[in-house]
Amino acid sequence: LDLDLIDLDGVMRDAPDPILPHPRAHL
């Protein structure tokens, strides 16, 4: 199982984990 937080109400966060939005989701 893998659960990844992709977006949390548009929060932008570079550190610490989790980085938001997920840094590779758009790819």
PDB file of all heavy atoms in Angstrom:
ATOM      1  N   LEU A   1       0.851  -1.189   0.000  1.00  0.00           N
ATOM      2  CA  LEU A   1       0.000   0.000   0.000  1.00  0.00           C
ATOM      3  C   LEU A   1       0.883   1.233   0.000  1.00  0.00           C
ATOM      4  O   LEU A   1       1.894   1.294   0.702  1.00  0.00           O
ATOM      5  CB  LEU A   1      -0.920   0.035   1.236  1.00  0.00           C
ATOM      6  CG  LEU A   1      -1.873   1.236   1.313  1.00  0.00           C
ATOM      7  CD1 LEU A   1      -2.866   1.245   0.140  1.00  0.00           C
ATOM      8  CD2 LEU A   1      -2.625   1.249   2.632  1.00  0.00           C
ATOM      9  N   ASP A   2       0.475   2.209  -0.789  1.00  0.00           N
ATOM     10  CA  ASP A   2       1.138   3.507  -0.837  1.00  0.00           C
ATOM     11  C   ASP A   2       0.045   4.567  -0.791  1.00  0.00           C
ATOM     12  O   ASP A   2      -0.869   4.547  -1.621  1.00  0.00           O
ATOM     13  CB  ASP A   2       1.954   3.629  -2.125  1.00  0.00           C
ATOM     14  CG  ASP A   2       2.821   4.866  -2.171  1.00  0.00           C
ATOM     15  OD1 ASP A   2       3.179   5.396  -1.105  1.00  0.00           O
ATOM     16  OD2 ASP A   2       3.152   5.310  -3.291  1.00  0.00           O
ATOM     17  N   LEU A   3       0.127   5.451   0.186  1.00  0.00           N
ATOM     18  CA  LEU A   3      -0.803   6.574   0.304  1.00  0.00           C
ATOM     19  C   LEU A   3       0.006   7.854   0.226  1.00  0.00           C
ATOM     20  O   LEU A   3       0.896   8.075   1.055  1.00  0.00           O
ATOM     21  CB  LEU A   3      -1.563   6.513   1.640  1.00  0.00           C
ATOM     22  CG  LEU A   3      -2.437   5.282   1.863  1.00  0.00           C
ATOM     23  CD1 LEU A   3      -3.012   5.287   3.274  1.00  0.00           C
ATOM     24  CD2 LEU A   3      -3.552   5.208   0.825  1.00  0.00           C
ATOM     25  N   ASP A   4      -0.291   8.681  -0.759  1.00  0.00           N
ATOM     26  CA  ASP A   4       0.434   9.940  -0.934  1.00  0.00           C
ATOM     27  C   ASP A   4      -0.520  11.116  -0.800  1.00  0.00           C
ATOM     28  O   ASP A   4      -1.571  11.152  -1.465  1.00  0.00           O
ATOM     29  CB  ASP A   4       1.103  10.004  -2.314  1.00  0.00           C
ATOM     30  CG  ASP A   4       2.325   9.123  -2.422  1.00  0.00           C
ATOM     31  OD1 ASP A   4       3.004   8.903  -1.397  1.00  0.00           O
ATOM     32  OD2 ASP A   4       2.603   8.656  -3.536  1.00  0.00           O
ATOM     33  N   LEU A   5      -0.134  12.068   0.019  1.00  0.00           N
ATOM     34  CA  LEU A   5      -0.881  13.316   0.157  1.00  0.00           C
ATOM     35  C   LEU A   5      -0.530  14.182  -1.043  1.00  0.00           C
ATOM     36  O   LEU A   5       0.612  14.630  -1.184  1.00  0.00           O
ATOM     37  CB  LEU A   5      -0.512  13.997   1.478  1.00  0.00           C
ATOM     38  CG  LEU A   5      -1.165  15.335   1.776  1.00  0.00           C
ATOM     39  CD1 LEU A   5      -2.687  15.257   1.730  1.00  0.00           C
ATOM     40  CD2 LEU A   5      -0.685  15.845   3.139  1.00  0.00           C
ATOM     41  N   ILE A   6      -1.491  14.393  -1.920  1.00  0.00           N
ATOM     42  CA  ILE A   6      -1.263  15.137  -3.161  1.00  0.00           C
ATOM     43  C   ILE A   6      -1.537  16.622  -2.955  1.00  0.00           C
ATOM     44  O   ILE A   6      -0.761  17.467  -3.374  1.00  0.00           O
ATOM     45  CB  ILE A   6      -2.143  14.583  -4.305  1.00  0.00           C
ATOM     46  CG1 ILE A   6      -1.870  13.082  -4.516  1.00  0.00           C
ATOM     47  CG2 ILE A   6      -1.949  15.391  -5.582  1.00  0.00           C
ATOM     48  CD1 ILE A   6      -0.442  12.726  -4.858  1.00  0.00           C
ATOM     49  N   ASP A   7      -2.644  16.946  -2.303  1.00  0.00           N
ATOM     50  CA  ASP A   7      -3.014  18.345  -2.084  1.00  0.00           C
ATOM     51  C   ASP A   7      -3.813  18.438  -0.791  1.00  0.00           C
ATOM     52  O   ASP A   7      -4.614  17.558  -0.472  1.00  0.00           O
ATOM     53  CB  ASP A   7      -3.837  18.862  -3.263  1.00  0.00           C
ATOM     54  CG  ASP A   7      -4.085  20.368  -3.217  1.00  0.00           C
ATOM     55  OD1 ASP A   7      -3.365  21.089  -2.492  1.00  0.00           O
ATOM     56  OD2 ASP A   7      -5.008  20.831  -3.919  1.00  0.00           O
ATOM     57  N   LEU A   8      -3.576  19.515  -0.067  1.00  0.00           N
ATOM     58  CA  LEU A   8      -4.287  19.778   1.184  1.00  0.00           C
ATOM     59  C   LEU A   8      -4.840  21.198   1.105  1.00  0.00           C
ATOM     60  O   LEU A   8      -4.202  22.159   1.512  1.00  0.00           O
ATOM     61  CB  LEU A   8      -3.332  19.625   2.378  1.00  0.00           C
ATOM     62  CG  LEU A   8      -3.896  19.888   3.776  1.00  0.00           C
ATOM     63  CD1 LEU A   8      -5.058  18.957   4.086  1.00  0.00           C
ATOM     64  CD2 LEU A   8      -2.810  19.738   4.820  1.00  0.00           C
ATOM     65  N   ASP A   9      -5.992  21.299   0.454  1.00  0.00           N
ATOM     66  CA  ASP A   9      -6.681  22.586   0.315  1.00  0.00           C
ATOM     67  C   ASP A   9      -5.795  23.682  -0.262  1.00  0.00           C
ATOM     68  O   ASP A   9      -5.877  24.843   0.146  1.00  0.00           O
ATOM     69  CB  ASP A   9      -7.274  23.028   1.657  1.00  0.00           C
ATOM     70  CG  ASP A   9      -8.467  22.175   2.058  1.00  0.00           C
ATOM     71  OD1 ASP A   9      -9.208  21.739   1.161  1.00  0.00           O
ATOM     72  OD2 ASP A   9      -8.654  21.942   3.261  1.00  0.00           O
ATOM     73  N   GLY A  10      -4.917  23.318  -1.204  1.00  0.00           N
ATOM     74  CA  GLY A  10      -4.093  24.311  -1.872  1.00  0.00           C
ATOM     75  C   GLY A  10      -2.907  24.816  -1.080  1.00  0.00           C
ATOM     76  O   GLY A  10      -2.218  25.740  -1.511  1.00  0.00           O
ATOM     77  N   VAL A  11      -2.633  24.202   0.079  1.00  0.00           N
ATOM     78  CA  VAL A  11      -1.478  24.609   0.879  1.00  0.00           C
ATOM     79  C   VAL A  11      -0.207  24.392   0.070  1.00  0.00           C
ATOM     80  O   VAL A  11      -0.053  23.356  -0.589  1.00  0.00           O
ATOM     81  CB  VAL A  11      -1.414  23.805   2.204  1.00  0.00           C
ATOM     82  CG1 VAL A  11      -0.083  23.990   2.919  1.00  0.00           C
ATOM     83  CG2 VAL A  11      -2.577  24.181   3.104  1.00  0.00           C
ATOM     84  N   MET A  12       0.681  25.377   0.115  1.00  0.00           N
ATOM     85  CA  MET A  12       1.998  25.231  -0.517  1.00  0.00           C
ATOM     86  C   MET A  12       3.034  25.216   0.592  1.00  0.00           C
ATOM     87  O   MET A  12       3.064  26.098   1.442  1.00  0.00           O
ATOM     88  CB  MET A  12       2.243  26.367  -1.509  1.00  0.00           C
ATOM     89  CG  MET A  12       1.361  26.231  -2.737  1.00  0.00           C
ATOM     90  SD  MET A  12       1.800  27.352  -4.065  1.00  0.00           S
ATOM     91  CE  MET A  12       0.978  28.838  -3.535  1.00  0.00           C
ATOM     92  N   ARG A  13       3.873  24.177   0.555  1.00  0.00           N
ATOM     93  CA  ARG A  13       4.830  23.945   1.641  1.00  0.00           C
ATOM     94  C   ARG A  13       6.050  23.246   1.063  1.00  0.00           C
ATOM     95  O   ARG A  13       5.935  22.200   0.438  1.00  0.00           O
ATOM     96  CB  ARG A  13       4.087  23.101   2.679  1.00  0.00           C
ATOM     97  CG  ARG A  13       4.850  22.566   3.813  1.00  0.00           C
ATOM     98  CD  ARG A  13       3.877  21.765   4.680  1.00  0.00           C
ATOM     99  NE  ARG A  13       4.578  20.807   5.467  1.00  0.00           N
ATOM    100  CZ  ARG A  13       4.460  20.670   6.770  1.00  0.00           C
ATOM    101  NH1 ARG A  13       3.633  21.437   7.431  1.00  0.00           N
ATOM    102  NH2 ARG A  13       5.143  19.765   7.412  1.00  0.00           N
ATOM    103  N   ASP A  14       7.227  23.859   1.289  1.00  0.00           N
ATOM    104  CA  ASP A  14       8.467  23.290   0.761  1.00  0.00           C
ATOM    105  C   ASP A  14       9.171  22.381   1.757  1.00  0.00           C
ATOM    106  O   ASP A  14       9.961  21.539   1.361  1.00  0.00           O
ATOM    107  CB  ASP A  14       9.413  24.401   0.328  1.00  0.00           C
ATOM    108  CG  ASP A  14       8.863  25.153  -0.873  1.00  0.00           C
ATOM    109  OD1 ASP A  14       8.281  24.507  -1.762  1.00  0.00           O
ATOM    110  OD2 ASP A  14       9.001  26.386  -0.917  1.00  0.00           O
ATOM    111  N   ALA A  15       8.929  22.574   3.040  1.00  0.00           N
ATOM    112  CA  ALA A  15       9.551  21.763   4.082  1.00  0.00           C
ATOM    113  C   ALA A  15       8.867  22.084   5.392  1.00  0.00           C
ATOM    114  O   ALA A  15       8.265  23.145   5.525  1.00  0.00           O
ATOM    115  CB  ALA A  15      11.054  22.044   4.167  1.00  0.00           C
ATOM    116  N   PRO A  16       8.905  21.238   6.369  1.00  0.00           N
ATOM    117  CA  PRO A  16       9.365  19.845   6.315  1.00  0.00           C
ATOM    118  C   PRO A  16       8.326  18.978   5.621  1.00  0.00           C
ATOM    119  O   PRO A  16       7.316  19.490   5.140  1.00  0.00           O
ATOM    120  CB  PRO A  16       9.492  19.485   7.802  1.00  0.00           C
ATOM    121  CG  PRO A  16       8.420  20.308   8.462  1.00  0.00           C
ATOM    122  CD  PRO A  16       8.376  21.605   7.679  1.00  0.00           C
ATOM    123  N   ASP A  17       8.589  17.666   5.601  1.00  0.00           N
ATOM    124  CA  ASP A  17       7.615  16.755   4.993  1.00  0.00           C
ATOM    125  C   ASP A  17       6.271  16.893   5.678  1.00  0.00           C
ATOM    126  O   ASP A  17       6.226  17.076   6.879  1.00  0.00           O
ATOM    127  CB  ASP A  17       8.105  15.297   5.104  1.00  0.00           C
ATOM    128  CG  ASP A  17       9.019  14.906   3.960  1.00  0.00           C
ATOM    129  OD1 ASP A  17       9.047  15.620   2.952  1.00  0.00           O
ATOM    130  OD2 ASP A  17       9.690  13.871   4.086  1.00  0.00           O
ATOM    131  N   PRO A  18       5.199  16.809   4.918  1.00  0.00           N
ATOM    132  CA  PRO A  18       5.132  16.581   3.486  1.00  0.00           C
ATOM    133  C   PRO A  18       5.281  17.878   2.688  1.00  0.00           C
ATOM    134  O   PRO A  18       4.785  18.926   3.084  1.00  0.00           O
ATOM    135  CB  PRO A  18       3.736  16.008   3.298  1.00  0.00           C
ATOM    136  CG  PRO A  18       2.914  16.682   4.359  1.00  0.00           C
ATOM    137  CD  PRO A  18       3.851  16.840   5.526  1.00  0.00           C
ATOM    138  N   ILE A  19       5.940  17.767   1.554  1.00  0.00           N
ATOM    139  CA  ILE A  19       5.997  18.873   0.609  1.00  0.00           C
ATOM    140  C   ILE A  19       4.641  18.926  -0.082  1.00  0.00           C
ATOM    141  O   ILE A  19       4.115  17.892  -0.498  1.00  0.00           O
ATOM    142  CB  ILE A  19       7.134  18.661  -0.409  1.00  0.00           C
ATOM    143  CG1 ILE A  19       8.481  18.657   0.311  1.00  0.00           C
ATOM    144  CG2 ILE A  19       7.086  19.715  -1.509  1.00  0.00           C
ATOM    145  CD1 ILE A  19       9.642  18.204  -0.547  1.00  0.00           C
ATOM    146  N   LEU A  20       4.072  20.122  -0.172  1.00  0.00           N
ATOM    147  CA  LEU A  20       2.744  20.278  -0.774  1.00  0.00           C
ATOM    148  C   LEU A  20       2.759  21.385  -1.807  1.00  0.00           C
ATOM    149  O   LEU A  20       3.392  22.417  -1.577  1.00  0.00           O
ATOM    150  CB  LEU A  20       1.709  20.577   0.299  1.00  0.00           C
ATOM    151  CG  LEU A  20       1.422  19.432   1.269  1.00  0.00           C
ATOM    152  CD1 LEU A  20       0.579  19.909   2.425  1.00  0.00           C
ATOM    153  CD2 LEU A  20       0.737  18.291   0.525  1.00  0.00           C
ATOM    154  N   PRO A  21       2.018  21.188  -2.918  1.00  0.00           N
ATOM    155  CA  PRO A  21       1.434  19.906  -3.308  1.00  0.00           C
ATOM    156  C   PRO A  21       2.538  18.874  -3.555  1.00  0.00           C
ATOM    157  O   PRO A  21       3.710  19.233  -3.630  1.00  0.00           O
ATOM    158  CB  PRO A  21       0.672  20.230  -4.588  1.00  0.00           C
ATOM    159  CG  PRO A  21       1.356  21.438  -5.135  1.00  0.00           C
ATOM    160  CD  PRO A  21       1.877  22.202  -3.956  1.00  0.00           C
ATOM    161  N   HIS A  22       2.133  17.630  -3.682  1.00  0.00           N
ATOM    162  CA  HIS A  22       3.117  16.557  -3.886  1.00  0.00           C
ATOM    163  C   HIS A  22       4.050  16.966  -5.025  1.00  0.00           C
ATOM    164  O   HIS A  22       3.591  17.386  -6.100  1.00  0.00           O
ATOM    165  CB  HIS A  22       2.399  15.255  -4.222  1.00  0.00           C
ATOM    166  CG  HIS A  22       3.299  14.065  -4.255  1.00  0.00           C
ATOM    167  ND1 HIS A  22       4.157  13.826  -5.303  1.00  0.00           N
ATOM    168  CD2 HIS A  22       3.486  13.063  -3.375  1.00  0.00           C
ATOM    169  CE1 HIS A  22       4.831  12.714  -5.070  1.00  0.00           C
ATOM    170  NE2 HIS A  22       4.443  12.226  -3.901  1.00  0.00           N
ATOM    171  N   PRO A  23       5.361  16.855  -4.827  1.00  0.00           N
ATOM    172  CA  PRO A  23       6.307  17.417  -5.793  1.00  0.00           C
ATOM    173  C   PRO A  23       6.369  16.742  -7.161  1.00  0.00           C
ATOM    174  O   PRO A  23       6.895  17.332  -8.103  1.00  0.00           O
ATOM    175  CB  PRO A  23       7.658  17.301  -5.072  1.00  0.00           C
ATOM    176  CG  PRO A  23       7.477  16.220  -4.074  1.00  0.00           C
ATOM    177  CD  PRO A  23       6.031  16.277  -3.653  1.00  0.00           C
ATOM    178  N   ARG A  24       5.847  15.537  -7.300  1.00  0.00           N
ATOM    179  CA  ARG A  24       5.908  14.854  -8.598  1.00  0.00           C
ATOM    180  C   ARG A  24       4.529  14.506  -9.156  1.00  0.00           C
ATOM    181  O   ARG A  24       4.429  13.941 -10.242  1.00  0.00           O
ATOM    182  CB  ARG A  24       6.770  13.583  -8.493  1.00  0.00           C
ATOM    183  CG  ARG A  24       8.254  13.895  -8.272  1.00  0.00           C
ATOM    184  CD  ARG A  24       9.086  12.683  -7.935  1.00  0.00           C
ATOM    185  NE  ARG A  24       8.628  11.938  -6.756  1.00  0.00           N
ATOM    186  CZ  ARG A  24       8.805  12.322  -5.488  1.00  0.00           C
ATOM    187  NH1 ARG A  24       9.416  13.445  -5.220  1.00  0.00           N
ATOM    188  NH2 ARG A  24       8.356  11.578  -4.491  1.00  0.00           N
ATOM    189  N   ALA A  25       3.481  14.862  -8.461  1.00  0.00           N
ATOM    190  CA  ALA A  25       2.132  14.488  -8.900  1.00  0.00           C
ATOM    191  C   ALA A  25       1.825  14.992 -10.305  1.00  0.00           C
ATOM    192  O   ALA A  25       1.192  14.288 -11.100  1.00  0.00           O
ATOM    193  CB  ALA A  25       1.091  15.015  -7.921  1.00  0.00           C
ATOM    194  N   HIS A  26       2.266  16.187 -10.627  1.00  0.00           N
ATOM    195  CA  HIS A  26       1.953  16.790 -11.922  1.00  0.00           C
ATOM    196  C   HIS A  26       2.632  16.098 -13.099  1.00  0.00           C
ATOM    197  O   HIS A  26       2.287  16.345 -14.251  1.00  0.00           O
ATOM    198  CB  HIS A  26       2.314  18.281 -11.914  1.00  0.00           C
ATOM    199  CG  HIS A  26       3.771  18.554 -11.799  1.00  0.00           C
ATOM    200  ND1 HIS A  26       4.475  18.392 -10.625  1.00  0.00           N
ATOM    201  CD2 HIS A  26       4.676  18.955 -12.729  1.00  0.00           C
ATOM    202  CE1 HIS A  26       5.736  18.702 -10.825  1.00  0.00           C
ATOM    203  NE2 HIS A  26       5.891  19.052 -12.097  1.00  0.00           N
ATOM    204  N   LEU A  27       3.562  15.197 -12.813  1.00  0.00           N
ATOM    205  CA  LEU A  27       4.300  14.489 -13.858  1.00  0.00           C
ATOM    206  C   LEU A  27       3.783  13.076 -14.094  1.00  0.00           C
ATOM    207  O   LEU A  27       4.241  12.410 -15.031  1.00  0.00           O
ATOM    208  CB  LEU A  27       5.784  14.401 -13.473  1.00  0.00           C
ATOM    209  CG  LEU A  27       6.485  15.730 -13.218  1.00  0.00           C
ATOM    210  CD1 LEU A  27       7.880  15.491 -12.651  1.00  0.00           C
ATOM    211  CD2 LEU A  27       6.537  16.559 -14.484  1.00  0.00           C
TER     212      LEU A  27
END
